Amino acid sequence: MALRLVAQGHQVSVYCGKPYSKNESLFYAGIKRIVLPTLQKKSLEKLVFTILSLIHVVFTKTDVILTLGISASLFCYIPRLFAIKVVINVDGLEPVKQFRNVTLW
């Protein structure tokens, strides 16, 4: 999606977690990479990265944010306080992935 948006002339930024970003370049195929730190604790990693990303984005000139995953949706009020539009894409299998090791019956 990001590559297609860049091809249409849009400016696209993608937030990357530092522990998973081996490449230090600021751009990839016209996409701006914003690398932020996060904790490397399984229970807090995604939560901390999401909050840092959403706080960081309010200080940029951004029209629309696309967040991925249901956990990010809990904090989408942060950019909305600054009148930034937020789109949430929830993978249909995410609830299944979260509970795959839990017996429900």
PDB file of N, CA and C in Angstrom:
ATOM      1  N   MET A   1       0.814  -1.171   0.000  1.00  0.00           N
ATOM      2  CA  MET A   1       0.000   0.000   0.000  1.00  0.00           C
ATOM      3  C   MET A   1       0.875   1.259   0.000  1.00  0.00           C
ATOM      4  N   ALA A   2       1.910   1.274   0.829  1.00  0.00           N
ATOM      5  CA  ALA A   2       2.778   2.449   0.928  1.00  0.00           C
ATOM      6  C   ALA A   2       3.440   2.758  -0.411  1.00  0.00           C
ATOM      7  N   LEU A   3       3.888   1.731  -1.108  1.00  0.00           N
ATOM      8  CA  LEU A   3       4.536   1.934  -2.409  1.00  0.00           C
ATOM      9  C   LEU A   3       3.563   2.529  -3.422  1.00  0.00           C
ATOM     10  N   ARG A   4       2.326   2.062  -3.401  1.00  0.00           N
ATOM     11  CA  ARG A   4       1.322   2.600  -4.328  1.00  0.00           C
ATOM     12  C   ARG A   4       0.995   4.054  -4.006  1.00  0.00           C
ATOM     13  N   LEU A   5       0.914   4.396  -2.723  1.00  0.00           N
ATOM     14  CA  LEU A   5       0.635   5.778  -2.335  1.00  0.00           C
ATOM     15  C   LEU A   5       1.771   6.705  -2.759  1.00  0.00           C
ATOM     16  N   VAL A   6       3.007   6.268  -2.575  1.00  0.00           N
ATOM     17  CA  VAL A   6       4.163   7.061  -3.017  1.00  0.00           C
ATOM     18  C   VAL A   6       4.119   7.234  -4.531  1.00  0.00           C
ATOM     19  N   ALA A   7       3.779   6.190  -5.271  1.00  0.00           N
ATOM     20  CA  ALA A   7       3.694   6.262  -6.728  1.00  0.00           C
ATOM     21  C   ALA A   7       2.641   7.257  -7.191  1.00  0.00           C
ATOM     22  N   GLN A   8       1.607   7.467  -6.359  1.00  0.00           N
ATOM     23  CA  GLN A   8       0.555   8.429  -6.694  1.00  0.00           C
ATOM     24  C   GLN A   8       0.903   9.849  -6.247  1.00  0.00           C
ATOM     25  N   GLY A   9       2.083  10.016  -5.636  1.00  0.00           N
ATOM     26  CA  GLY A   9       2.522  11.352  -5.255  1.00  0.00           C
ATOM     27  C   GLY A   9       2.312  11.719  -3.793  1.00  0.00           C
ATOM     28  N   HIS A  10       1.864  10.781  -2.972  1.00  0.00           N
ATOM     29  CA  HIS A  10       1.656  11.055  -1.548  1.00  0.00           C
ATOM     30  C   HIS A  10       2.970  10.918  -0.778  1.00  0.00           C
ATOM     31  N   GLN A  11       3.080  11.656   0.307  1.00  0.00           N
ATOM     32  CA  GLN A  11       4.207  11.488   1.221  1.00  0.00           C
ATOM     33  C   GLN A  11       3.786  10.462   2.261  1.00  0.00           C
ATOM     34  N   VAL A  12       4.595   9.418   2.416  1.00  0.00           N
ATOM     35  CA  VAL A  12       4.249   8.312   3.308  1.00  0.00           C
ATOM     36  C   VAL A  12       5.374   8.124   4.319  1.00  0.00           C
ATOM     37  N   SER A  13       4.986   7.990   5.573  1.00  0.00           N
ATOM     38  CA  SER A  13       5.939   7.668   6.643  1.00  0.00           C
ATOM     39  C   SER A  13       5.513   6.363   7.292  1.00  0.00           C
ATOM     40  N   VAL A  14       6.496   5.561   7.677  1.00  0.00           N
ATOM     41  CA  VAL A  14       6.230   4.287   8.332  1.00  0.00           C
ATOM     42  C   VAL A  14       7.050   4.254   9.619  1.00  0.00           C
ATOM     43  N   TYR A  15       6.404   3.881  10.706  1.00  0.00           N
ATOM     44  CA  TYR A  15       7.093   3.765  11.991  1.00  0.00           C
ATOM     45  C   TYR A  15       7.669   2.363  12.128  1.00  0.00           C
ATOM     46  N   CYS A  16       8.941   2.305  12.513  1.00  0.00           N
ATOM     47  CA  CYS A  16       9.651   1.038  12.638  1.00  0.00           C
ATOM     48  C   CYS A  16      10.209   0.921  14.054  1.00  0.00           C
ATOM     49  N   GLY A  17      10.133  -0.266  14.622  1.00  0.00           N
ATOM     50  CA  GLY A  17      10.714  -0.513  15.941  1.00  0.00           C
ATOM     51  C   GLY A  17      12.215  -0.728  15.815  1.00  0.00           C
ATOM     52  N   LYS A  18      12.993  -0.019  16.608  1.00  0.00           N
ATOM     53  CA  LYS A  18      14.447  -0.090  16.520  1.00  0.00           C
ATOM     54  C   LYS A  18      14.991  -1.519  16.638  1.00  0.00           C
ATOM     55  N   PRO A  19      14.483  -2.348  17.539  1.00  0.00           N
ATOM     56  CA  PRO A  19      15.036  -3.701  17.630  1.00  0.00           C
ATOM     57  C   PRO A  19      14.905  -4.512  16.338  1.00  0.00           C
ATOM     58  N   TYR A  20      13.969  -4.134  15.478  1.00  0.00           N
ATOM     59  CA  TYR A  20      13.724  -4.898  14.260  1.00  0.00           C
ATOM     60  C   TYR A  20      14.189  -4.179  13.003  1.00  0.00           C
ATOM     61  N   SER A  21      14.828  -3.028  13.162  1.00  0.00           N
ATOM     62  CA  SER A  21      15.275  -2.238  12.011  1.00  0.00           C
ATOM     63  C   SER A  21      16.786  -2.355  11.877  1.00  0.00           C
ATOM     64  N   LYS A  22      17.193  -3.290  11.059  1.00  0.00           N
ATOM     65  CA  LYS A  22      18.626  -3.478  10.805  1.00  0.00           C
ATOM     66  C   LYS A  22      19.159  -2.385   9.885  1.00  0.00           C
ATOM     67  N   ASN A  23      18.294  -1.925   8.999  1.00  0.00           N
ATOM     68  CA  ASN A  23      18.663  -0.901   8.027  1.00  0.00           C
ATOM     69  C   ASN A  23      18.527   0.478   8.670  1.00  0.00           C
ATOM     70  N   GLU A  24      19.561   1.282   8.620  1.00  0.00           N
ATOM     71  CA  GLU A  24      19.538   2.601   9.248  1.00  0.00           C
ATOM     72  C   GLU A  24      19.146   3.723   8.283  1.00  0.00           C
ATOM     73  N   SER A  25      18.831   3.397   7.025  1.00  0.00           N
ATOM     74  CA  SER A  25      18.495   4.444   6.061  1.00  0.00           C
ATOM     75  C   SER A  25      17.177   5.122   6.439  1.00  0.00           C
ATOM     76  N   LEU A  26      17.075   6.416   6.131  1.00  0.00           N
ATOM     77  CA  LEU A  26      15.876   7.189   6.467  1.00  0.00           C
ATOM     78  C   LEU A  26      14.737   6.977   5.482  1.00  0.00           C
ATOM     79  N   PHE A  27      15.078   6.511   4.274  1.00  0.00           N
ATOM     80  CA  PHE A  27      14.055   6.297   3.251  1.00  0.00           C
ATOM     81  C   PHE A  27      14.212   4.929   2.621  1.00  0.00           C
ATOM     82  N   TYR A  28      13.090   4.360   2.223  1.00  0.00           N
ATOM     83  CA  TYR A  28      13.076   3.129   1.457  1.00  0.00           C
ATOM     84  C   TYR A  28      12.045   3.309   0.347  1.00  0.00           C
ATOM     85  N   ALA A  29      12.494   3.298  -0.886  1.00  0.00           N
ATOM     86  CA  ALA A  29      11.605   3.415  -2.056  1.00  0.00           C
ATOM     87  C   ALA A  29      10.664   4.616  -1.944  1.00  0.00           C
ATOM     88  N   GLY A  30      11.183   5.729  -1.430  1.00  0.00           N
ATOM     89  CA  GLY A  30      10.381   6.938  -1.305  1.00  0.00           C
ATOM     90  C   GLY A  30       9.539   7.017  -0.045  1.00  0.00           C
ATOM     91  N   ILE A  31       9.600   5.987   0.795  1.00  0.00           N
ATOM     92  CA  ILE A  31       8.844   5.944   2.042  1.00  0.00           C
ATOM     93  C   ILE A  31       9.761   6.392   3.173  1.00  0.00           C
ATOM     94  N   LYS A  32       9.328   7.366   3.946  1.00  0.00           N
ATOM     95  CA  LYS A  32      10.128   7.831   5.072  1.00  0.00           C
ATOM     96  C   LYS A  32      10.008   6.835   6.226  1.00  0.00           C
ATOM     97  N   ARG A  33      11.159   6.398   6.739  1.00  0.00           N
ATOM     98  CA  ARG A  33      11.196   5.459   7.867  1.00  0.00           C
ATOM     99  C   ARG A  33      11.461   6.248   9.142  1.00  0.00           C
ATOM    100  N   ILE A  34      10.596   6.111  10.117  1.00  0.00           N
ATOM    101  CA  ILE A  34      10.785   6.737  11.424  1.00  0.00           C
ATOM    102  C   ILE A  34      11.027   5.597  12.408  1.00  0.00           C
ATOM    103  N   VAL A  35      12.258   5.523  12.892  1.00  0.00           N
ATOM    104  CA  VAL A  35      12.645   4.418  13.775  1.00  0.00           C
ATOM    105  C   VAL A  35      12.578   4.905  15.216  1.00  0.00           C
ATOM    106  N   LEU A  36      11.765   4.220  16.018  1.00  0.00           N
ATOM    107  CA  LEU A  36      11.595   4.579  17.419  1.00  0.00           C
ATOM    108  C   LEU A  36      12.006   3.413  18.311  1.00  0.00           C
ATOM    109  N   PRO A  37      12.501   3.732  19.505  1.00  0.00           N
ATOM    110  CA  PRO A  37      12.862   2.662  20.435  1.00  0.00           C
ATOM    111  C   PRO A  37      11.611   2.048  21.054  1.00  0.00           C
ATOM    112  N   THR A  38      11.779   0.892  21.617  1.00  0.00           N
ATOM    113  CA  THR A  38      10.711   0.256  22.374  1.00  0.00           C
ATOM    114  C   THR A  38      11.343  -0.700  23.375  1.00  0.00           C
ATOM    115  N   LEU A  39      10.579  -1.126  24.331  1.00  0.00           N
ATOM    116  CA  LEU A  39      11.069  -2.120  25.281  1.00  0.00           C
ATOM    117  C   LEU A  39      11.069  -3.480  24.604  1.00  0.00           C
ATOM    118  N   GLN A  40      12.011  -4.311  24.946  1.00  0.00           N
ATOM    119  CA  GLN A  40      12.025  -5.655  24.369  1.00  0.00           C
ATOM    120  C   GLN A  40      11.511  -6.669  25.374  1.00  0.00           C
ATOM    121  N   LYS A  41      10.392  -6.353  25.956  1.00  0.00           N
ATOM    122  CA  LYS A  41       9.662  -7.263  26.836  1.00  0.00           C
ATOM    123  C   LYS A  41       8.383  -7.629  26.110  1.00  0.00           C
ATOM    124  N   LYS A  42       8.148  -8.891  25.931  1.00  0.00           N
ATOM    125  CA  LYS A  42       7.021  -9.338  25.110  1.00  0.00           C
ATOM    126  C   LYS A  42       5.698  -8.699  25.520  1.00  0.00           C
ATOM    127  N   SER A  43       5.477  -8.553  26.809  1.00  0.00           N
ATOM    128  CA  SER A  43       4.182  -8.042  27.265  1.00  0.00           C
ATOM    129  C   SER A  43       4.028  -6.539  27.056  1.00  0.00           C
ATOM    130  N   LEU A  44       5.123  -5.792  26.970  1.00  0.00           N
ATOM    131  CA  LEU A  44       5.045  -4.332  26.868  1.00  0.00           C
ATOM    132  C   LEU A  44       5.504  -3.770  25.532  1.00  0.00           C
ATOM    133  N   GLU A  45       6.158  -4.565  24.726  1.00  0.00           N
ATOM    134  CA  GLU A  45       6.796  -4.085  23.505  1.00  0.00           C
ATOM    135  C   GLU A  45       5.835  -3.351  22.573  1.00  0.00           C
ATOM    136  N   LYS A  46       4.762  -3.997  22.204  1.00  0.00           N
ATOM    137  CA  LYS A  46       3.814  -3.406  21.258  1.00  0.00           C
ATOM    138  C   LYS A  46       3.104  -2.199  21.871  1.00  0.00           C
ATOM    139  N   LEU A  47       2.771  -2.289  23.128  1.00  0.00           N
ATOM    140  CA  LEU A  47       2.092  -1.198  23.831  1.00  0.00           C
ATOM    141  C   LEU A  47       2.955   0.064  23.849  1.00  0.00           C
ATOM    142  N   VAL A  48       4.210  -0.066  24.259  1.00  0.00           N
ATOM    143  CA  VAL A  48       5.119   1.084  24.334  1.00  0.00           C
ATOM    144  C   VAL A  48       5.370   1.664  22.945  1.00  0.00           C
ATOM    145  N   PHE A  49       5.610   0.803  21.958  1.00  0.00           N
ATOM    146  CA  PHE A  49       5.866   1.277  20.597  1.00  0.00           C
ATOM    147  C   PHE A  49       4.660   2.025  20.037  1.00  0.00           C
ATOM    148  N   THR A  50       3.468   1.516  20.278  1.00  0.00           N
ATOM    149  CA  THR A  50       2.246   2.162  19.797  1.00  0.00           C
ATOM    150  C   THR A  50       2.075   3.541  20.407  1.00  0.00           C
ATOM    151  N   ILE A  51       2.244   3.637  21.711  1.00  0.00           N
ATOM    152  CA  ILE A  51       2.079   4.931  22.387  1.00  0.00           C
ATOM    153  C   ILE A  51       3.119   5.931  21.906  1.00  0.00           C
ATOM    154  N   LEU A  52       4.390   5.515  21.811  1.00  0.00           N
ATOM    155  CA  LEU A  52       5.444   6.414  21.333  1.00  0.00           C
ATOM    156  C   LEU A  52       5.172   6.886  19.911  1.00  0.00           C
ATOM    157  N   SER A  53       4.730   5.977  19.052  1.00  0.00           N
ATOM    158  CA  SER A  53       4.445   6.336  17.657  1.00  0.00           C
ATOM    159  C   SER A  53       3.304   7.347  17.560  1.00  0.00           C
ATOM    160  N   LEU A  54       2.237   7.113  18.312  1.00  0.00           N
ATOM    161  CA  LEU A  54       1.082   8.009  18.249  1.00  0.00           C
ATOM    162  C   LEU A  54       1.382   9.372  18.863  1.00  0.00           C
ATOM    163  N   ILE A  55       2.219   9.412  19.880  1.00  0.00           N
ATOM    164  CA  ILE A  55       2.623  10.706  20.440  1.00  0.00           C
ATOM    165  C   ILE A  55       3.534  11.433  19.451  1.00  0.00           C
ATOM    166  N   HIS A  56       4.470  10.697  18.847  1.00  0.00           N
ATOM    167  CA  HIS A  56       5.395  11.313  17.886  1.00  0.00           C
ATOM    168  C   HIS A  56       4.647  11.906  16.696  1.00  0.00           C
ATOM    169  N   VAL A  57       3.670  11.195  16.192  1.00  0.00           N
ATOM    170  CA  VAL A  57       2.989  11.624  14.969  1.00  0.00           C
ATOM    171  C   VAL A  57       2.222  12.936  15.150  1.00  0.00           C
ATOM    172  N   VAL A  58       1.799  13.263  16.356  1.00  0.00           N
ATOM    173  CA  VAL A  58       1.043  14.507  16.542  1.00  0.00           C
ATOM    174  C   VAL A  58       1.931  15.742  16.365  1.00  0.00           C
ATOM    175  N   PHE A  59       3.247  15.553  16.393  1.00  0.00           N
ATOM    176  CA  PHE A  59       4.168  16.675  16.194  1.00  0.00           C
ATOM    177  C   PHE A  59       4.662  16.764  14.753  1.00  0.00           C
ATOM    178  N   THR A  60       4.042  16.016  13.860  1.00  0.00           N
ATOM    179  CA  THR A  60       4.390  16.053  12.440  1.00  0.00           C
ATOM    180  C   THR A  60       3.201  16.601  11.656  1.00  0.00           C
ATOM    181  N   LYS A  61       3.452  16.959  10.407  1.00  0.00           N
ATOM    182  CA  LYS A  61       2.344  17.398   9.544  1.00  0.00           C
ATOM    183  C   LYS A  61       1.756  16.153   8.886  1.00  0.00           C
ATOM    184  N   THR A  62       0.756  15.587   9.531  1.00  0.00           N
ATOM    185  CA  THR A  62       0.138  14.359   9.053  1.00  0.00           C
ATOM    186  C   THR A  62      -1.356  14.575   8.882  1.00  0.00           C
ATOM    187  N   ASP A  63      -1.882  14.110   7.759  1.00  0.00           N
ATOM    188  CA  ASP A  63      -3.311  14.235   7.492  1.00  0.00           C
ATOM    189  C   ASP A  63      -4.100  13.020   7.976  1.00  0.00           C
ATOM    190  N   VAL A  64      -3.544  11.828   7.725  1.00  0.00           N
ATOM    191  CA  VAL A  64      -4.246  10.581   8.037  1.00  0.00           C
ATOM    192  C   VAL A  64      -3.237   9.579   8.589  1.00  0.00           C
ATOM    193  N   ILE A  65      -3.678   8.824   9.596  1.00  0.00           N
ATOM    194  CA  ILE A  65      -2.854   7.761  10.166  1.00  0.00           C
ATOM    195  C   ILE A  65      -3.559   6.437   9.926  1.00  0.00           C
ATOM    196  N   LEU A  66      -2.799   5.443   9.478  1.00  0.00           N
ATOM    197  CA  LEU A  66      -3.298   4.080   9.361  1.00  0.00           C
ATOM    198  C   LEU A  66      -2.617   3.263  10.451  1.00  0.00           C
ATOM    199  N   THR A  67      -3.407   2.723  11.366  1.00  0.00           N
ATOM    200  CA  THR A  67      -2.848   1.858  12.402  1.00  0.00           C
ATOM    201  C   THR A  67      -3.232   0.419  12.096  1.00  0.00           C
ATOM    202  N   LEU A  68      -2.361  -0.479  12.482  1.00  0.00           N
ATOM    203  CA  LEU A  68      -2.583  -1.897  12.219  1.00  0.00           C
ATOM    204  C   LEU A  68      -2.732  -2.641  13.541  1.00  0.00           C
ATOM    205  N   GLY A  69      -3.795  -3.363  13.678  1.00  0.00           N
ATOM    206  CA  GLY A  69      -3.996  -4.186  14.865  1.00  0.00           C
ATOM    207  C   GLY A  69      -4.946  -3.575  15.862  1.00  0.00           C
ATOM    208  N   ILE A  70      -5.598  -4.436  16.578  1.00  0.00           N
ATOM    209  CA  ILE A  70      -6.617  -3.997  17.524  1.00  0.00           C
ATOM    210  C   ILE A  70      -6.008  -3.316  18.746  1.00  0.00           C
ATOM    211  N   SER A  71      -4.796  -3.700  19.127  1.00  0.00           N
ATOM    212  CA  SER A  71      -4.193  -3.095  20.320  1.00  0.00           C
ATOM    213  C   SER A  71      -3.899  -1.612  20.111  1.00  0.00           C
ATOM    214  N   ALA A  72      -3.575  -1.205  18.891  1.00  0.00           N
ATOM    215  CA  ALA A  72      -3.312   0.205  18.606  1.00  0.00           C
ATOM    216  C   ALA A  72      -4.581   1.043  18.735  1.00  0.00           C
ATOM    217  N   SER A  73      -5.722   0.425  18.523  1.00  0.00           N
ATOM    218  CA  SER A  73      -6.976   1.180  18.541  1.00  0.00           C
ATOM    219  C   SER A  73      -7.277   1.785  19.907  1.00  0.00           C
ATOM    220  N   LEU A  74      -6.756   1.217  20.958  1.00  0.00           N
ATOM    221  CA  LEU A  74      -6.999   1.741  22.306  1.00  0.00           C
ATOM    222  C   LEU A  74      -6.447   3.149  22.498  1.00  0.00           C
ATOM    223  N   PHE A  75      -5.423   3.499  21.726  1.00  0.00           N
ATOM    224  CA  PHE A  75      -4.751   4.785  21.908  1.00  0.00           C
ATOM    225  C   PHE A  75      -4.965   5.755  20.748  1.00  0.00           C
ATOM    226  N   CYS A  76      -5.873   5.433  19.855  1.00  0.00           N
ATOM    227  CA  CYS A  76      -6.109   6.285  18.691  1.00  0.00           C
ATOM    228  C   CYS A  76      -6.763   7.617  19.047  1.00  0.00           C
ATOM    229  N   TYR A  77      -7.193   7.769  20.276  1.00  0.00           N
ATOM    230  CA  TYR A  77      -7.740   9.056  20.698  1.00  0.00           C
ATOM    231  C   TYR A  77      -6.631  10.124  20.760  1.00  0.00           C
ATOM    232  N   ILE A  78      -5.374   9.713  20.916  1.00  0.00           N
ATOM    233  CA  ILE A  78      -4.274  10.686  21.032  1.00  0.00           C
ATOM    234  C   ILE A  78      -4.190  11.569  19.790  1.00  0.00           C
ATOM    235  N   PRO A  79      -4.029  11.014  18.582  1.00  0.00           N
ATOM    236  CA  PRO A  79      -3.994  11.899  17.407  1.00  0.00           C
ATOM    237  C   PRO A  79      -5.337  12.567  17.129  1.00  0.00           C
ATOM    238  N   ARG A  80      -6.434  11.923  17.516  1.00  0.00           N
ATOM    239  CA  ARG A  80      -7.754  12.533  17.291  1.00  0.00           C
ATOM    240  C   ARG A  80      -7.907  13.818  18.096  1.00  0.00           C
ATOM    241  N   LEU A  81      -7.249  13.908  19.247  1.00  0.00           N
ATOM    242  CA  LEU A  81      -7.269  15.146  20.041  1.00  0.00           C
ATOM    243  C   LEU A  81      -6.658  16.312  19.273  1.00  0.00           C
ATOM    244  N   PHE A  82      -5.811  15.993  18.280  1.00  0.00           N
ATOM    245  CA  PHE A  82      -5.147  17.007  17.470  1.00  0.00           C
ATOM    246  C   PHE A  82      -5.755  17.089  16.065  1.00  0.00           C
ATOM    247  N   ALA A  83      -6.970  16.593  15.911  1.00  0.00           N
ATOM    248  CA  ALA A  83      -7.738  16.633  14.661  1.00  0.00           C
ATOM    249  C   ALA A  83      -7.055  15.887  13.519  1.00  0.00           C
ATOM    250  N   ILE A  84      -6.317  14.821  13.844  1.00  0.00           N
ATOM    251  CA  ILE A  84      -5.713  13.971  12.817  1.00  0.00           C
ATOM    252  C   ILE A  84      -6.631  12.768  12.618  1.00  0.00           C
ATOM    253  N   LYS A  85      -6.985  12.510  11.374  1.00  0.00           N
ATOM    254  CA  LYS A  85      -7.862  11.382  11.059  1.00  0.00           C
ATOM    255  C   LYS A  85      -7.120  10.065  11.269  1.00  0.00           C
ATOM    256  N   VAL A  86      -7.832   9.079  11.794  1.00  0.00           N
ATOM    257  CA  VAL A  86      -7.239   7.773  12.089  1.00  0.00           C
ATOM    258  C   VAL A  86      -8.057   6.680  11.418  1.00  0.00           C
ATOM    259  N   VAL A  87      -7.363   5.785  10.727  1.00  0.00           N
ATOM    260  CA  VAL A  87      -7.976   4.604  10.131  1.00  0.00           C
ATOM    261  C   VAL A  87      -7.358   3.397  10.826  1.00  0.00           C
ATOM    262  N   ILE A  88      -8.197   2.467  11.262  1.00  0.00           N
ATOM    263  CA  ILE A  88      -7.717   1.279  11.967  1.00  0.00           C
ATOM    264  C   ILE A  88      -7.980   0.054  11.101  1.00  0.00           C
ATOM    265  N   ASN A  89      -6.931  -0.701  10.802  1.00  0.00           N
ATOM    266  CA  ASN A  89      -7.068  -1.944  10.060  1.00  0.00           C
ATOM    267  C   ASN A  89      -6.850  -3.099  11.031  1.00  0.00           C
ATOM    268  N   VAL A  90      -7.904  -3.847  11.285  1.00  0.00           N
ATOM    269  CA  VAL A  90      -7.824  -4.978  12.197  1.00  0.00           C
ATOM    270  C   VAL A  90      -7.819  -6.247  11.369  1.00  0.00           C
ATOM    271  N   ASP A  91      -6.756  -7.012  11.481  1.00  0.00           N
ATOM    272  CA  ASP A  91      -6.650  -8.292  10.794  1.00  0.00           C
ATOM    273  C   ASP A  91      -7.749  -9.205  11.319  1.00  0.00           C
ATOM    274  N   GLY A  92      -8.490  -9.808  10.434  1.00  0.00           N
ATOM    275  CA  GLY A  92      -9.587 -10.673  10.853  1.00  0.00           C
ATOM    276  C   GLY A  92      -9.150 -11.856  11.692  1.00  0.00           C
ATOM    277  N   LEU A  93      -7.883 -12.225  11.604  1.00  0.00           N
ATOM    278  CA  LEU A  93      -7.399 -13.366  12.373  1.00  0.00           C
ATOM    279  C   LEU A  93      -6.773 -12.959  13.699  1.00  0.00           C
ATOM    280  N   GLU A  94      -6.692 -11.673  13.988  1.00  0.00           N
ATOM    281  CA  GLU A  94      -6.019 -11.233  15.207  1.00  0.00           C
ATOM    282  C   GLU A  94      -6.618 -11.831  16.477  1.00  0.00           C
ATOM    283  N   PRO A  95      -7.941 -11.830  16.660  1.00  0.00           N
ATOM    284  CA  PRO A  95      -8.479 -12.458  17.873  1.00  0.00           C
ATOM    285  C   PRO A  95      -8.132 -13.948  17.954  1.00  0.00           C
ATOM    286  N   VAL A  96      -8.088 -14.620  16.818  1.00  0.00           N
ATOM    287  CA  VAL A  96      -7.738 -16.040  16.803  1.00  0.00           C
ATOM    288  C   VAL A  96      -6.285 -16.212  17.226  1.00  0.00           C
ATOM    289  N   LYS A  97      -5.390 -15.356  16.725  1.00  0.00           N
ATOM    290  CA  LYS A  97      -3.976 -15.436  17.090  1.00  0.00           C
ATOM    291  C   LYS A  97      -3.780 -15.190  18.572  1.00  0.00           C
ATOM    292  N   GLN A  98      -4.526 -14.251  19.152  1.00  0.00           N
ATOM    293  CA  GLN A  98      -4.360 -13.918  20.555  1.00  0.00           C
ATOM    294  C   GLN A  98      -4.792 -15.064  21.462  1.00  0.00           C
ATOM    295  N   PHE A  99      -5.772 -15.841  21.036  1.00  0.00           N
ATOM    296  CA  PHE A  99      -6.321 -16.894  21.890  1.00  0.00           C
ATOM    297  C   PHE A  99      -6.009 -18.298  21.407  1.00  0.00           C
ATOM    298  N   ARG A 100      -5.015 -18.451  20.560  1.00  0.00           N
ATOM    299  CA  ARG A 100      -4.773 -19.769  19.979  1.00  0.00           C
ATOM    300  C   ARG A 100      -4.341 -20.809  21.016  1.00  0.00           C
ATOM    301  N   ASN A 101      -3.771 -20.379  22.146  1.00  0.00           N
ATOM    302  CA  ASN A 101      -3.331 -21.324  23.160  1.00  0.00           C
ATOM    303  C   ASN A 101      -4.297 -21.397  24.347  1.00  0.00           C
ATOM    304  N   VAL A 102      -5.474 -20.822  24.171  1.00  0.00           N
ATOM    305  CA  VAL A 102      -6.441 -20.798  25.259  1.00  0.00           C
ATOM    306  C   VAL A 102      -7.626 -21.686  24.887  1.00  0.00           C
ATOM    307  N   THR A 103      -8.007 -22.549  25.800  1.00  0.00           N
ATOM    308  CA  THR A 103      -9.190 -23.380  25.587  1.00  0.00           C
ATOM    309  C   THR A 103     -10.406 -22.590  26.079  1.00  0.00           C
ATOM    310  N   LEU A 104     -11.348 -22.337  25.184  1.00  0.00           N
ATOM    311  CA  LEU A 104     -12.507 -21.538  25.525  1.00  0.00           C
ATOM    312  C   LEU A 104     -13.652 -22.381  26.079  1.00  0.00           C
ATOM    313  N   TRP A 105     -13.643 -23.686  25.877  1.00  0.00           N
ATOM    314  CA  TRP A 105     -14.751 -24.520  26.351  1.00  0.00           C
ATOM    315  C   TRP A 105     -14.266 -25.530  27.335  1.00  0.00           C
TER     316      TRP A 105
END
